[in-house]
Protein backbone atom coordinates (compact mmCIF):
# COMPACT_ATOMS: atom_id res chain seq x y z
CA MET A 1 0.14 0.26 -0.06
CA ASP A 2 1.71 3.30 -0.61
CA LEU A 3 1.99 5.64 1.88
CA THR A 4 3.48 8.61 -0.49
CA GLN A 5 -0.21 9.63 -1.46
CA LYS A 6 -1.01 13.38 -1.59
CA ARG A 7 -2.74 15.13 1.42
CA HIS A 8 -5.92 14.55 1.58
CA PRO A 9 -8.07 17.37 -0.63
CA LEU A 10 -10.44 18.42 2.24
CA THR A 11 -7.75 18.76 5.35
CA ASP A 12 -4.58 19.29 3.69
CA CYS A 13 -2.97 16.80 6.21
CA ARG A 14 -1.57 13.25 6.01
CA PHE A 15 -4.09 11.34 8.36
CA LEU A 16 -4.82 7.50 9.44
CA THR A 17 -7.27 5.84 10.92
CA ALA A 18 -6.24 2.79 12.95
CA LEU A 19 -8.62 0.08 14.07
CA PRO A 20 -7.36 -1.99 17.54
CA VAL A 21 -8.41 -5.74 17.01
CA TYR A 22 -9.02 -9.08 18.76
CA ASN A 23 -11.31 -12.06 17.75
CA GLU A 24 -13.46 -9.85 15.31
CA ALA A 25 -14.23 -12.13 12.90
CA LYS A 26 -17.74 -11.23 13.01
CA THR A 27 -17.60 -7.49 12.38
CA VAL A 28 -14.15 -6.57 10.67
CA LEU A 29 -14.96 -6.73 7.00
CA THR A 30 -18.38 -4.89 7.41
CA VAL A 31 -16.21 -2.32 9.85
CA LEU A 32 -13.34 -2.31 7.22
CA ASP A 33 -15.32 -1.69 4.16
CA GLU A 34 -17.43 1.32 5.77
CA VAL A 35 -13.54 2.81 7.03
CA SER A 36 -12.43 2.60 3.88
CA ARG A 37 -15.00 5.03 2.53
CA TYR A 38 -13.83 7.53 4.41
CA CYS A 39 -10.15 7.24 4.78
CA ASP A 40 -7.50 5.94 2.81
CA ARG A 41 -4.90 4.63 4.67
CA ILE A 42 -5.88 2.21 7.45
CA LEU A 43 -3.85 0.39 10.00
CA VAL A 44 -5.05 -2.73 11.51
CA VAL A 45 -3.37 -3.60 14.75
CA ASP A 46 -4.37 -7.19 14.91
CA ASP A 47 -3.52 -8.31 18.48
CA GLY A 48 -3.02 -11.87 18.37
CA SER A 49 -6.46 -13.08 16.95
CA ASN A 50 -7.43 -16.84 16.77
CA ASP A 51 -10.90 -16.83 15.53
CA GLY A 52 -10.25 -16.44 11.59
CA THR A 53 -9.51 -12.42 11.83
CA ALA A 54 -6.05 -12.83 10.73
CA GLU A 55 -6.94 -14.97 7.18
CA LEU A 56 -10.13 -12.18 6.51
CA LEU A 57 -7.90 -9.72 6.99
CA ALA A 58 -4.88 -11.12 4.67
CA GLU A 59 -7.12 -10.96 1.91
CA ARG A 60 -7.71 -7.62 1.42
CA SER A 61 -5.25 -5.27 -0.37
CA ASP A 62 -6.47 -2.11 0.83
CA VAL A 63 -5.16 -1.72 4.70
CA ILE A 64 -1.65 -2.17 6.40
CA VAL A 65 -1.79 -4.87 9.10
CA VAL A 66 0.62 -5.27 12.14
CA THR A 67 0.35 -8.19 13.79
CA HIS A 68 1.54 -9.14 17.77
CA GLU A 69 1.88 -12.89 17.79
CA VAL A 70 0.27 -13.00 20.95
CA ASN A 71 -2.58 -11.04 22.73
CA ARG A 72 -1.16 -8.87 24.34
CA GLY A 73 -3.89 -6.19 25.14
CA TYR A 74 -6.16 -3.38 23.99
CA GLY A 75 -3.25 -0.40 25.25
CA ALA A 76 -1.04 -2.22 23.75
CA ALA A 77 -2.38 -2.75 20.60
CA LEU A 78 -2.72 1.03 20.21
CA VAL A 79 0.72 2.03 21.11
CA THR A 80 1.20 0.24 18.43
CA ALA A 81 -0.81 2.22 16.05
CA PHE A 82 0.81 5.39 18.00
CA LYS A 83 4.17 4.08 16.88
CA TYR A 84 3.29 3.46 13.41
CA ALA A 85 1.99 6.81 12.94
CA SER A 86 4.87 9.06 13.96
CA GLN A 87 7.23 6.53 12.33
CA HIS A 88 5.38 6.96 8.90
CA ASP A 89 5.17 10.71 9.72
CA PHE A 90 1.39 11.05 9.83
CA ASP A 91 -0.22 14.22 10.85
CA ILE A 92 -3.17 12.99 12.64
CA LEU A 93 -3.94 9.74 13.91
CA VAL A 94 -7.54 8.47 14.18
CA THR A 95 -8.35 5.38 16.67
CA VAL A 96 -11.70 3.44 16.24
CA ASP A 97 -12.89 0.34 17.81
CA CYS A 98 -13.85 -2.36 15.62
CA ASP A 99 -16.89 -4.04 17.38
CA GLY A 100 -19.45 -1.26 15.71
CA GLN A 101 -19.70 1.16 18.14
CA HIS A 102 -17.98 3.79 16.22
CA GLU A 103 -19.88 5.95 12.83
CA PRO A 104 -17.20 5.72 10.29
CA GLN A 105 -18.59 8.51 8.87
CA ARG A 106 -17.42 10.42 11.63
CA ILE A 107 -13.97 10.26 11.25
CA ARG A 108 -13.08 13.09 8.94
CA GLN A 109 -15.28 15.80 11.52
CA PHE A 110 -12.50 14.29 14.46
CA VAL A 111 -9.78 15.09 11.54
CA GLU A 112 -11.30 18.71 10.81
CA GLU A 113 -11.99 19.49 14.59
CA SER A 114 -8.11 18.60 14.76
CA ILE A 115 -7.16 20.71 12.38
CA ARG A 116 -9.90 23.83 13.14
CA THR A 117 -9.00 24.04 17.01
CA GLY A 118 -5.57 22.47 17.23
CA ALA A 119 -6.08 19.97 19.89
CA ASP A 120 -3.12 17.46 20.82
CA ILE A 121 -6.47 15.33 21.50
CA VAL A 122 -10.06 15.15 20.21
CA SER A 123 -12.24 12.43 22.43
CA GLY A 124 -15.10 11.42 21.48
CA SER A 125 -17.81 11.66 24.06
CA ARG A 126 -21.02 9.41 24.40
CA TYR A 127 -22.20 11.61 27.07
CA LEU A 128 -21.76 15.24 25.61
CA LYS A 129 -25.20 15.31 24.10
CA SER A 130 -28.51 12.92 23.44
CA PHE A 131 -28.70 11.62 19.88
CA ASP A 132 -32.41 9.70 18.80
CA GLU A 133 -30.43 6.66 18.28
CA ASP A 134 -28.31 6.62 21.69
CA SER A 135 -28.68 3.23 22.98
CA PRO A 136 -29.28 2.69 26.78
CA PRO A 137 -25.69 2.31 28.59
CA PRO A 138 -25.10 -0.31 31.05
CA GLU A 139 -25.89 1.00 34.78
CA GLN A 140 -22.27 -0.40 35.98
CA ARG A 141 -20.31 1.08 32.76
CA ARG A 142 -22.54 4.21 33.25
CA LEU A 143 -21.78 4.57 36.54
CA ILE A 144 -18.00 3.93 36.48
CA ASN A 145 -17.33 5.78 33.20
CA HIS A 146 -18.67 8.84 35.44
CA GLN A 147 -16.97 8.30 38.82
CA VAL A 148 -13.26 8.18 36.80
CA THR A 149 -14.43 10.89 34.80
CA LYS A 150 -15.43 13.39 37.44
CA THR A 151 -12.09 12.26 38.98
CA LEU A 152 -9.76 13.34 36.84
CA ASN A 153 -12.01 16.26 35.80
CA GLN A 154 -11.59 17.76 39.74
CA ARG A 155 -7.73 16.43 40.47
CA MET A 156 -6.17 17.20 36.53
CA GLY A 157 -8.62 20.22 35.50
CA PHE A 158 -10.02 18.42 32.62
CA LYS A 159 -13.72 18.84 31.47
CA LEU A 160 -14.63 15.48 30.04
CA THR A 161 -17.31 14.18 29.80
CA ASP A 162 -16.89 10.48 28.86
CA ALA A 163 -13.11 9.20 30.03
CA PHE A 164 -13.46 5.99 27.85
CA CYS A 165 -14.26 6.44 24.38
CA GLY A 166 -12.06 4.91 21.93
CA PHE A 167 -12.95 6.99 18.67
CA LYS A 168 -10.42 10.03 18.86
CA ALA A 169 -8.00 11.89 16.69
CA TYR A 170 -4.53 12.61 18.06
CA ARG A 171 -2.38 15.08 16.93
CA VAL A 172 1.09 13.00 16.39
CA GLU A 173 3.39 15.54 17.30
CA ALA A 174 1.97 15.46 20.76
CA LEU A 175 2.19 11.59 21.11
CA SER A 176 5.91 12.01 21.36
CA LYS A 177 5.36 13.13 24.97
CA ILE A 178 3.56 10.01 25.89
CA LYS A 179 5.09 6.84 27.34
CA LEU A 180 2.62 4.42 28.07
CA THR A 181 3.05 1.10 30.19
CA GLU A 182 -0.66 0.05 30.68
CA SER A 183 -1.73 -2.80 28.29
CA GLY A 184 -4.97 -2.79 28.55
CA TYR A 185 -8.50 -1.35 28.92
CA ALA A 186 -7.28 1.44 31.67
CA MET A 187 -4.75 3.03 29.13
CA PRO A 188 -6.78 5.64 28.59
CA LEU A 189 -6.10 6.64 32.63
CA GLU A 190 -2.59 6.05 31.70
CA LEU A 191 -2.85 8.26 28.79
CA TRP A 192 -4.89 11.36 30.84
CA VAL A 193 -2.54 11.45 33.08
CA GLN A 194 0.32 12.29 31.13
CA ALA A 195 -1.68 14.76 29.09
CA ALA A 196 -1.90 16.85 32.02
CA CYS A 197 1.31 16.20 33.29
CA ASN A 198 2.69 17.32 29.66
CA LYS A 199 -0.20 19.91 29.56
CA LEU A 200 -2.17 18.93 26.33
CA SER A 201 -4.90 20.05 24.64
CA VAL A 202 -7.91 18.37 25.10
CA VAL A 203 -11.79 18.71 23.11
CA GLU A 204 -14.64 16.95 22.54
CA VAL A 205 -16.82 15.71 19.85
CA ALA A 206 -20.35 14.39 20.50
CA VAL A 207 -20.93 10.78 18.90
CA PRO A 208 -23.71 8.20 19.41
CA ARG A 209 -24.03 5.98 22.21
CA ILE A 210 -24.01 2.74 20.10
CA TYR A 211 -24.04 -0.73 22.65
CA LEU A 212 -24.57 -3.29 20.35
CA ASP A 213 -22.79 -6.02 23.30
CA GLU A 214 -23.99 -4.84 26.56
CA ALA A 215 -22.56 -8.38 27.70
CA ARG A 216 -18.28 -7.83 26.51
CA SER A 217 -16.10 -9.12 28.70
CA PHE A 218 -13.43 -6.99 30.31
CA GLY A 219 -11.08 -9.72 30.87
CA ASP A 220 -11.27 -12.39 33.95
CA HIS A 221 -11.70 -10.57 37.00
CA LEU A 222 -12.55 -6.92 35.51
CA ASP A 223 -15.76 -8.26 34.70
CA ASP A 224 -16.51 -7.81 38.16
CA PRO A 225 -17.38 -3.61 38.70
CA GLU A 226 -16.26 -2.99 41.94
CA THR A 227 -12.69 -5.09 41.15
CA ARG A 228 -12.68 -3.22 37.47
CA LEU A 229 -13.13 0.16 39.56
CA LYS A 230 -10.28 -0.93 42.31
CA TYR A 231 -8.13 -1.32 39.18
CA TYR A 232 -8.54 1.98 37.20
CA TYR A 233 -7.54 3.70 40.32
CA GLN A 234 -4.82 1.25 40.82
CA VAL A 235 -3.45 2.64 37.34
CA MET A 236 -3.89 6.20 37.73
CA ASN A 237 -1.87 5.83 40.33
CA LYS A 238 1.35 3.99 39.23
CA ALA A 239 1.14 6.89 36.32
CA PHE A 240 1.29 9.21 38.95
CA ALA A 241 4.17 7.81 40.68
CA ALA A 242 6.15 7.59 37.53
CA LEU A 243 5.26 11.17 36.33
CA PRO A 244 9.17 12.61 36.12
CA SER A 245 9.61 15.41 38.63
CA ASP A 246 8.59 18.49 36.78
CA CYS A 247 4.89 17.57 37.38
CA GLU A 248 5.85 16.90 41.09
CA GLN A 249 1.86 18.54 42.26
CA LEU A 250 0.38 15.42 40.13
CA ARG A 251 3.28 13.03 41.09
CA SER A 252 1.83 13.38 44.82
CA MET A 253 -1.65 12.76 43.97
CA ARG A 254 -3.70 9.52 45.00
CA VAL A 255 -7.35 8.30 43.70
CA GLY A 256 -9.68 5.70 45.23
């Protein structure tokens, strides 16, 4: 696939759309078909799939595939996408989940908002405003999201409404300031802590709330809400402690 194409005529920048994928054989082709309508540079990070996803991806010539030989986690897949975007000199990286909950027709909106505002991170929010097609959120997920988002806002000065939405646009230059180690679903919390330390600018874009699989597993013991919340706080506290000395105020914080 040619990575030296001319800049996109609508945005005058090189942007890449990346999808972290793990065992998404049921949805991956449909999602990629839709994504390809709005982006001609697509990266799939196959995080050790063993359900036939890899074979389906091998049949496509319109996507770049980077494969983790074993499952390393959602956060690790995104870190691979971050590195790829930086190594190949993209200006903006858009991340989209592959389970059908994100609408690919909004990809260019994220890119254009990044350019218009100059924000380092344009973050999707399922709670910024209501859409007619909104699904009711699983109650425990909503409560945990609300509690964690409130904590981030109070402790780090953000004005977020949704801490966990995976639909984002990143200014690739800003990603060089982020050094992530959390490999699982809690990766966004480490990201937010480091974004606050590095004073990255953040804006939110409203997206519909679409839940196609309300029973989707977080893996092992994290399906228990109380255990998951405690783990999220542990990740945040670890991220605080790992900050450099010039972020002393954040470095000394603890939550939970």
